[in-house]
Amino acid sequence: MTETTLKVEGMSCAHCKAAVEEELGRLPGVEHSNADPQKGTVEVRYEEEKVTAHDLRGAVEEAGYTVAA
């Protein structure tokens, strides 16, 4: 398992948290995600063999938010 923290721009509420976590949870290989709107981050635990950092970014963008570089 690999763990990473992504900086997410635009999250501000519980709905934002749920949207980001839901999209990440749809990816095969994502075991857990925990978004924190106050910090503007999401912690993700995933299997590198099944999902890439690019996939994670795409899921956050699909939820309507931007991953900061």
PDB file of N, CA and C in Angstrom:
ATOM      1  N   MET A   1       0.840  -1.196   0.000  1.00  0.00           N
ATOM      2  CA  MET A   1       0.000   0.000   0.000  1.00  0.00           C
ATOM      3  C   MET A   1       0.875   1.245   0.000  1.00  0.00           C
ATOM      4  N   THR A   2       0.428   2.212  -0.732  1.00  0.00           N
ATOM      5  CA  THR A   2       1.087   3.509  -0.802  1.00  0.00           C
ATOM      6  C   THR A   2       0.133   4.543  -0.235  1.00  0.00           C
ATOM      7  N   GLU A   3       0.683   5.512   0.475  1.00  0.00           N
ATOM      8  CA  GLU A   3      -0.130   6.607   0.996  1.00  0.00           C
ATOM      9  C   GLU A   3       0.405   7.917   0.447  1.00  0.00           C
ATOM     10  N   THR A   4      -0.516   8.806   0.100  1.00  0.00           N
ATOM     11  CA  THR A   4      -0.126  10.117  -0.389  1.00  0.00           C
ATOM     12  C   THR A   4      -1.142  11.146   0.087  1.00  0.00           C
ATOM     13  N   THR A   5      -0.722  12.384   0.130  1.00  0.00           N
ATOM     14  CA  THR A   5      -1.622  13.488   0.462  1.00  0.00           C
ATOM     15  C   THR A   5      -1.619  14.458  -0.711  1.00  0.00           C
ATOM     16  N   LEU A   6      -2.802  14.726  -1.231  1.00  0.00           N
ATOM     17  CA  LEU A   6      -2.951  15.660  -2.338  1.00  0.00           C
ATOM     18  C   LEU A   6      -3.503  16.979  -1.827  1.00  0.00           C
ATOM     19  N   LYS A   7      -2.986  18.070  -2.347  1.00  0.00           N
ATOM     20  CA  LYS A   7      -3.499  19.403  -2.039  1.00  0.00           C
ATOM     21  C   LYS A   7      -4.624  19.685  -3.032  1.00  0.00           C
ATOM     22  N   VAL A   8      -5.825  19.893  -2.513  1.00  0.00           N
ATOM     23  CA  VAL A   8      -6.997  20.075  -3.366  1.00  0.00           C
ATOM     24  C   VAL A   8      -7.529  21.497  -3.207  1.00  0.00           C
ATOM     25  N   GLU A   9      -7.654  22.187  -4.330  1.00  0.00           N
ATOM     26  CA  GLU A   9      -8.165  23.555  -4.311  1.00  0.00           C
ATOM     27  C   GLU A   9      -9.670  23.565  -4.510  1.00  0.00           C
ATOM     28  N   GLY A  10     -10.368  24.385  -3.736  1.00  0.00           N
ATOM     29  CA  GLY A  10     -11.792  24.587  -3.924  1.00  0.00           C
ATOM     30  C   GLY A  10     -12.702  23.846  -2.967  1.00  0.00           C
ATOM     31  N   MET A  11     -12.179  22.932  -2.167  1.00  0.00           N
ATOM     32  CA  MET A  11     -13.038  22.234  -1.192  1.00  0.00           C
ATOM     33  C   MET A  11     -13.342  23.179  -0.033  1.00  0.00           C
ATOM     34  N   SER A  12     -14.622  23.207   0.375  1.00  0.00           N
ATOM     35  CA  SER A  12     -14.953  24.116   1.472  1.00  0.00           C
ATOM     36  C   SER A  12     -16.014  23.589   2.438  1.00  0.00           C
ATOM     37  N   CYS A  13     -16.573  22.392   2.155  1.00  0.00           N
ATOM     38  CA  CYS A  13     -17.684  21.935   2.992  1.00  0.00           C
ATOM     39  C   CYS A  13     -17.770  20.409   3.013  1.00  0.00           C
ATOM     40  N   ALA A  14     -18.732  19.900   3.749  1.00  0.00           N
ATOM     41  CA  ALA A  14     -18.935  18.457   3.856  1.00  0.00           C
ATOM     42  C   ALA A  14     -19.317  17.842   2.512  1.00  0.00           C
ATOM     43  N   HIS A  15     -20.063  18.581   1.695  1.00  0.00           N
ATOM     44  CA  HIS A  15     -20.415  18.083   0.364  1.00  0.00           C
ATOM     45  C   HIS A  15     -19.157  17.903  -0.480  1.00  0.00           C
ATOM     46  N   CYS A  16     -18.242  18.855  -0.394  1.00  0.00           N
ATOM     47  CA  CYS A  16     -16.977  18.768  -1.126  1.00  0.00           C
ATOM     48  C   CYS A  16     -16.214  17.519  -0.701  1.00  0.00           C
ATOM     49  N   LYS A  17     -16.134  17.311   0.596  1.00  0.00           N
ATOM     50  CA  LYS A  17     -15.447  16.144   1.157  1.00  0.00           C
ATOM     51  C   LYS A  17     -16.043  14.862   0.597  1.00  0.00           C
ATOM     52  N   ALA A  18     -17.363  14.765   0.641  1.00  0.00           N
ATOM     53  CA  ALA A  18     -18.047  13.560   0.168  1.00  0.00           C
ATOM     54  C   ALA A  18     -17.829  13.345  -1.326  1.00  0.00           C
ATOM     55  N   ALA A  19     -17.879  14.398  -2.105  1.00  0.00           N
ATOM     56  CA  ALA A  19     -17.708  14.279  -3.557  1.00  0.00           C
ATOM     57  C   ALA A  19     -16.319  13.756  -3.907  1.00  0.00           C
ATOM     58  N   VAL A  20     -15.293  14.304  -3.270  1.00  0.00           N
ATOM     59  CA  VAL A  20     -13.916  13.881  -3.543  1.00  0.00           C
ATOM     60  C   VAL A  20     -13.716  12.431  -3.101  1.00  0.00           C
ATOM     61  N   GLU A  21     -14.159  12.097  -1.905  1.00  0.00           N
ATOM     62  CA  GLU A  21     -13.993  10.736  -1.400  1.00  0.00           C
ATOM     63  C   GLU A  21     -14.759   9.722  -2.255  1.00  0.00           C
ATOM     64  N   GLU A  22     -15.946  10.100  -2.726  1.00  0.00           N
ATOM     65  CA  GLU A  22     -16.738   9.195  -3.558  1.00  0.00           C
ATOM     66  C   GLU A  22     -16.028   8.902  -4.874  1.00  0.00           C
ATOM     67  N   GLU A  23     -15.515   9.929  -5.537  1.00  0.00           N
ATOM     68  CA  GLU A  23     -14.827   9.713  -6.809  1.00  0.00           C
ATOM     69  C   GLU A  23     -13.559   8.879  -6.626  1.00  0.00           C
ATOM     70  N   LEU A  24     -12.810   9.162  -5.588  1.00  0.00           N
ATOM     71  CA  LEU A  24     -11.606   8.366  -5.338  1.00  0.00           C
ATOM     72  C   LEU A  24     -11.969   6.918  -5.033  1.00  0.00           C
ATOM     73  N   GLY A  25     -13.057   6.719  -4.292  1.00  0.00           N
ATOM     74  CA  GLY A  25     -13.485   5.381  -3.928  1.00  0.00           C
ATOM     75  C   GLY A  25     -13.927   4.529  -5.111  1.00  0.00           C
ATOM     76  N   ARG A  26     -14.226   5.158  -6.226  1.00  0.00           N
ATOM     77  CA  ARG A  26     -14.622   4.426  -7.428  1.00  0.00           C
ATOM     78  C   ARG A  26     -13.427   3.804  -8.145  1.00  0.00           C
ATOM     79  N   LEU A  27     -12.234   4.267  -7.836  1.00  0.00           N
ATOM     80  CA  LEU A  27     -11.047   3.739  -8.503  1.00  0.00           C
ATOM     81  C   LEU A  27     -10.664   2.385  -7.924  1.00  0.00           C
ATOM     82  N   PRO A  28     -10.435   1.400  -8.791  1.00  0.00           N
ATOM     83  CA  PRO A  28      -9.965   0.112  -8.280  1.00  0.00           C
ATOM     84  C   PRO A  28      -8.564   0.293  -7.689  1.00  0.00           C
ATOM     85  N   GLY A  29      -8.367  -0.217  -6.506  1.00  0.00           N
ATOM     86  CA  GLY A  29      -7.063  -0.089  -5.873  1.00  0.00           C
ATOM     87  C   GLY A  29      -6.999   0.970  -4.791  1.00  0.00           C
ATOM     88  N   VAL A  30      -8.012   1.850  -4.717  1.00  0.00           N
ATOM     89  CA  VAL A  30      -8.041   2.839  -3.636  1.00  0.00           C
ATOM     90  C   VAL A  30      -8.681   2.165  -2.427  1.00  0.00           C
ATOM     91  N   GLU A  31      -7.910   2.038  -1.363  1.00  0.00           N
ATOM     92  CA  GLU A  31      -8.406   1.379  -0.156  1.00  0.00           C
ATOM     93  C   GLU A  31      -9.122   2.362   0.762  1.00  0.00           C
ATOM     94  N   HIS A  32      -8.613   3.600   0.829  1.00  0.00           N
ATOM     95  CA  HIS A  32      -9.174   4.568   1.774  1.00  0.00           C
ATOM     96  C   HIS A  32      -8.838   5.975   1.309  1.00  0.00           C
ATOM     97  N   SER A  33      -9.760   6.910   1.534  1.00  0.00           N
ATOM     98  CA  SER A  33      -9.470   8.329   1.303  1.00  0.00           C
ATOM     99  C   SER A  33     -10.146   9.136   2.399  1.00  0.00           C
ATOM    100  N   ASN A  34      -9.494  10.217   2.777  1.00  0.00           N
ATOM    101  CA  ASN A  34     -10.019  11.095   3.816  1.00  0.00           C
ATOM    102  C   ASN A  34      -9.725  12.540   3.430  1.00  0.00           C
ATOM    103  N   ALA A  35     -10.760  13.234   2.966  1.00  0.00           N
ATOM    104  CA  ALA A  35     -10.608  14.630   2.566  1.00  0.00           C
ATOM    105  C   ALA A  35     -10.829  15.536   3.774  1.00  0.00           C
ATOM    106  N   ASP A  36     -10.063  16.618   3.837  1.00  0.00           N
ATOM    107  CA  ASP A  36     -10.186  17.608   4.906  1.00  0.00           C
ATOM    108  C   ASP A  36     -10.364  18.980   4.266  1.00  0.00           C
ATOM    109  N   PRO A  37     -11.617  19.444   4.145  1.00  0.00           N
ATOM    110  CA  PRO A  37     -11.863  20.738   3.499  1.00  0.00           C
ATOM    111  C   PRO A  37     -11.157  21.910   4.184  1.00  0.00           C
ATOM    112  N   GLN A  38     -11.019  21.860   5.494  1.00  0.00           N
ATOM    113  CA  GLN A  38     -10.368  22.960   6.203  1.00  0.00           C
ATOM    114  C   GLN A  38      -8.897  23.090   5.826  1.00  0.00           C
ATOM    115  N   LYS A  39      -8.232  21.957   5.662  1.00  0.00           N
ATOM    116  CA  LYS A  39      -6.819  21.965   5.272  1.00  0.00           C
ATOM    117  C   LYS A  39      -6.649  22.008   3.755  1.00  0.00           C
ATOM    118  N   GLY A  40      -7.697  21.652   3.030  1.00  0.00           N
ATOM    119  CA  GLY A  40      -7.604  21.588   1.577  1.00  0.00           C
ATOM    120  C   GLY A  40      -6.759  20.422   1.114  1.00  0.00           C
ATOM    121  N   THR A  41      -6.878  19.283   1.815  1.00  0.00           N
ATOM    122  CA  THR A  41      -6.097  18.105   1.455  1.00  0.00           C
ATOM    123  C   THR A  41      -6.976  16.866   1.426  1.00  0.00           C
ATOM    124  N   VAL A  42      -6.463  15.840   0.769  1.00  0.00           N
ATOM    125  CA  VAL A  42      -7.077  14.521   0.828  1.00  0.00           C
ATOM    126  C   VAL A  42      -5.956  13.500   0.949  1.00  0.00           C
ATOM    127  N   GLU A  43      -6.080  12.655   1.953  1.00  0.00           N
ATOM    128  CA  GLU A  43      -5.123  11.569   2.155  1.00  0.00           C
ATOM    129  C   GLU A  43      -5.692  10.333   1.489  1.00  0.00           C
ATOM    130  N   VAL A  44      -4.844   9.645   0.719  1.00  0.00           N
ATOM    131  CA  VAL A  44      -5.300   8.480  -0.034  1.00  0.00           C
ATOM    132  C   VAL A  44      -4.348   7.310   0.205  1.00  0.00           C
ATOM    133  N   ARG A  45      -4.930   6.156   0.486  1.00  0.00           N
ATOM    134  CA  ARG A  45      -4.152   4.914   0.590  1.00  0.00           C
ATOM    135  C   ARG A  45      -4.583   4.031  -0.578  1.00  0.00           C
ATOM    136  N   TYR A  46      -3.600   3.597  -1.382  1.00  0.00           N
ATOM    137  CA  TYR A  46      -3.937   2.874  -2.602  1.00  0.00           C
ATOM    138  C   TYR A  46      -2.844   1.880  -2.996  1.00  0.00           C
ATOM    139  N   GLU A  47      -3.198   0.993  -3.921  1.00  0.00           N
ATOM    140  CA  GLU A  47      -2.265   0.006  -4.443  1.00  0.00           C
ATOM    141  C   GLU A  47      -1.679   0.547  -5.753  1.00  0.00           C
ATOM    142  N   GLU A  48      -0.365   0.758  -5.775  1.00  0.00           N
ATOM    143  CA  GLU A  48       0.291   1.318  -6.961  1.00  0.00           C
ATOM    144  C   GLU A  48       0.127   0.434  -8.191  1.00  0.00           C
ATOM    145  N   GLU A  49      -0.057  -0.863  -7.990  1.00  0.00           N
ATOM    146  CA  GLU A  49      -0.204  -1.784  -9.113  1.00  0.00           C
ATOM    147  C   GLU A  49      -1.537  -1.579  -9.845  1.00  0.00           C
ATOM    148  N   LYS A  50      -2.510  -0.988  -9.153  1.00  0.00           N
ATOM    149  CA  LYS A  50      -3.853  -0.861  -9.720  1.00  0.00           C
ATOM    150  C   LYS A  50      -4.238   0.562 -10.074  1.00  0.00           C
ATOM    151  N   VAL A  51      -3.616   1.547  -9.467  1.00  0.00           N
ATOM    152  CA  VAL A  51      -4.002   2.942  -9.691  1.00  0.00           C
ATOM    153  C   VAL A  51      -2.753   3.819  -9.651  1.00  0.00           C
ATOM    154  N   THR A  52      -2.737   4.858 -10.473  1.00  0.00           N
ATOM    155  CA  THR A  52      -1.586   5.758 -10.540  1.00  0.00           C
ATOM    156  C   THR A  52      -1.927   7.119  -9.930  1.00  0.00           C
ATOM    157  N   ALA A  53      -0.905   7.908  -9.699  1.00  0.00           N
ATOM    158  CA  ALA A  53      -1.110   9.269  -9.202  1.00  0.00           C
ATOM    159  C   ALA A  53      -1.951  10.061 -10.206  1.00  0.00           C
ATOM    160  N   HIS A  54      -1.751   9.796 -11.485  1.00  0.00           N
ATOM    161  CA  HIS A  54      -2.541  10.453 -12.532  1.00  0.00           C
ATOM    162  C   HIS A  54      -4.023  10.102 -12.384  1.00  0.00           C
ATOM    163  N   ASP A  55      -4.312   8.836 -12.068  1.00  0.00           N
ATOM    164  CA  ASP A  55      -5.696   8.406 -11.845  1.00  0.00           C
ATOM    165  C   ASP A  55      -6.317   9.144 -10.660  1.00  0.00           C
ATOM    166  N   LEU A  56      -5.530   9.303  -9.592  1.00  0.00           N
ATOM    167  CA  LEU A  56      -6.024  10.002  -8.403  1.00  0.00           C
ATOM    168  C   LEU A  56      -6.382  11.448  -8.744  1.00  0.00           C
ATOM    169  N   ARG A  57      -5.489  12.112  -9.476  1.00  0.00           N
ATOM    170  CA  ARG A  57      -5.742  13.500  -9.889  1.00  0.00           C
ATOM    171  C   ARG A  57      -7.011  13.575 -10.734  1.00  0.00           C
ATOM    172  N   GLY A  58      -7.161  12.619 -11.633  1.00  0.00           N
ATOM    173  CA  GLY A  58      -8.337  12.603 -12.497  1.00  0.00           C
ATOM    174  C   GLY A  58      -9.626  12.453 -11.720  1.00  0.00           C
ATOM    175  N   ALA A  59      -9.610  11.633 -10.689  1.00  0.00           N
ATOM    176  CA  ALA A  59     -10.805  11.434  -9.866  1.00  0.00           C
ATOM    177  C   ALA A  59     -11.172  12.713  -9.122  1.00  0.00           C
ATOM    178  N   VAL A  60     -10.175  13.401  -8.590  1.00  0.00           N
ATOM    179  CA  VAL A  60     -10.429  14.679  -7.891  1.00  0.00           C
ATOM    180  C   VAL A  60     -11.000  15.688  -8.876  1.00  0.00           C
ATOM    181  N   GLU A  61     -10.451  15.738 -10.078  1.00  0.00           N
ATOM    182  CA  GLU A  61     -10.957  16.667 -11.099  1.00  0.00           C
ATOM    183  C   GLU A  61     -12.372  16.293 -11.525  1.00  0.00           C
ATOM    184  N   GLU A  62     -12.661  15.000 -11.602  1.00  0.00           N
ATOM    185  CA  GLU A  62     -13.999  14.529 -11.945  1.00  0.00           C
ATOM    186  C   GLU A  62     -15.021  15.002 -10.903  1.00  0.00           C
ATOM    187  N   ALA A  63     -14.574  15.115  -9.654  1.00  0.00           N
ATOM    188  CA  ALA A  63     -15.452  15.605  -8.578  1.00  0.00           C
ATOM    189  C   ALA A  63     -15.643  17.115  -8.653  1.00  0.00           C
ATOM    190  N   GLY A  64     -14.857  17.781  -9.522  1.00  0.00           N
ATOM    191  CA  GLY A  64     -15.036  19.219  -9.706  1.00  0.00           C
ATOM    192  C   GLY A  64     -13.996  20.083  -9.033  1.00  0.00           C
ATOM    193  N   TYR A  65     -12.892  19.499  -8.620  1.00  0.00           N
ATOM    194  CA  TYR A  65     -11.862  20.246  -7.900  1.00  0.00           C
ATOM    195  C   TYR A  65     -10.518  20.114  -8.612  1.00  0.00           C
ATOM    196  N   THR A  66      -9.562  20.908  -8.187  1.00  0.00           N
ATOM    197  CA  THR A  66      -8.244  20.936  -8.816  1.00  0.00           C
ATOM    198  C   THR A  66      -7.192  20.475  -7.825  1.00  0.00           C
ATOM    199  N   VAL A  67      -6.288  19.630  -8.288  1.00  0.00           N
ATOM    200  CA  VAL A  67      -5.152  19.212  -7.464  1.00  0.00           C
ATOM    201  C   VAL A  67      -4.027  20.201  -7.721  1.00  0.00           C
ATOM    202  N   ALA A  68      -3.532  20.825  -6.651  1.00  0.00           N
ATOM    203  CA  ALA A  68      -2.427  21.783  -6.773  1.00  0.00           C
ATOM    204  C   ALA A  68      -1.139  21.036  -7.055  1.00  0.00           C
ATOM    205  N   ALA A  69      -0.265  21.672  -7.816  1.00  0.00           N
ATOM    206  CA  ALA A  69       1.021  21.045  -8.177  1.00  0.00           C
ATOM    207  C   ALA A  69       1.908  20.874  -6.970  1.00  0.00           C
TER     208      ALA A  69
END
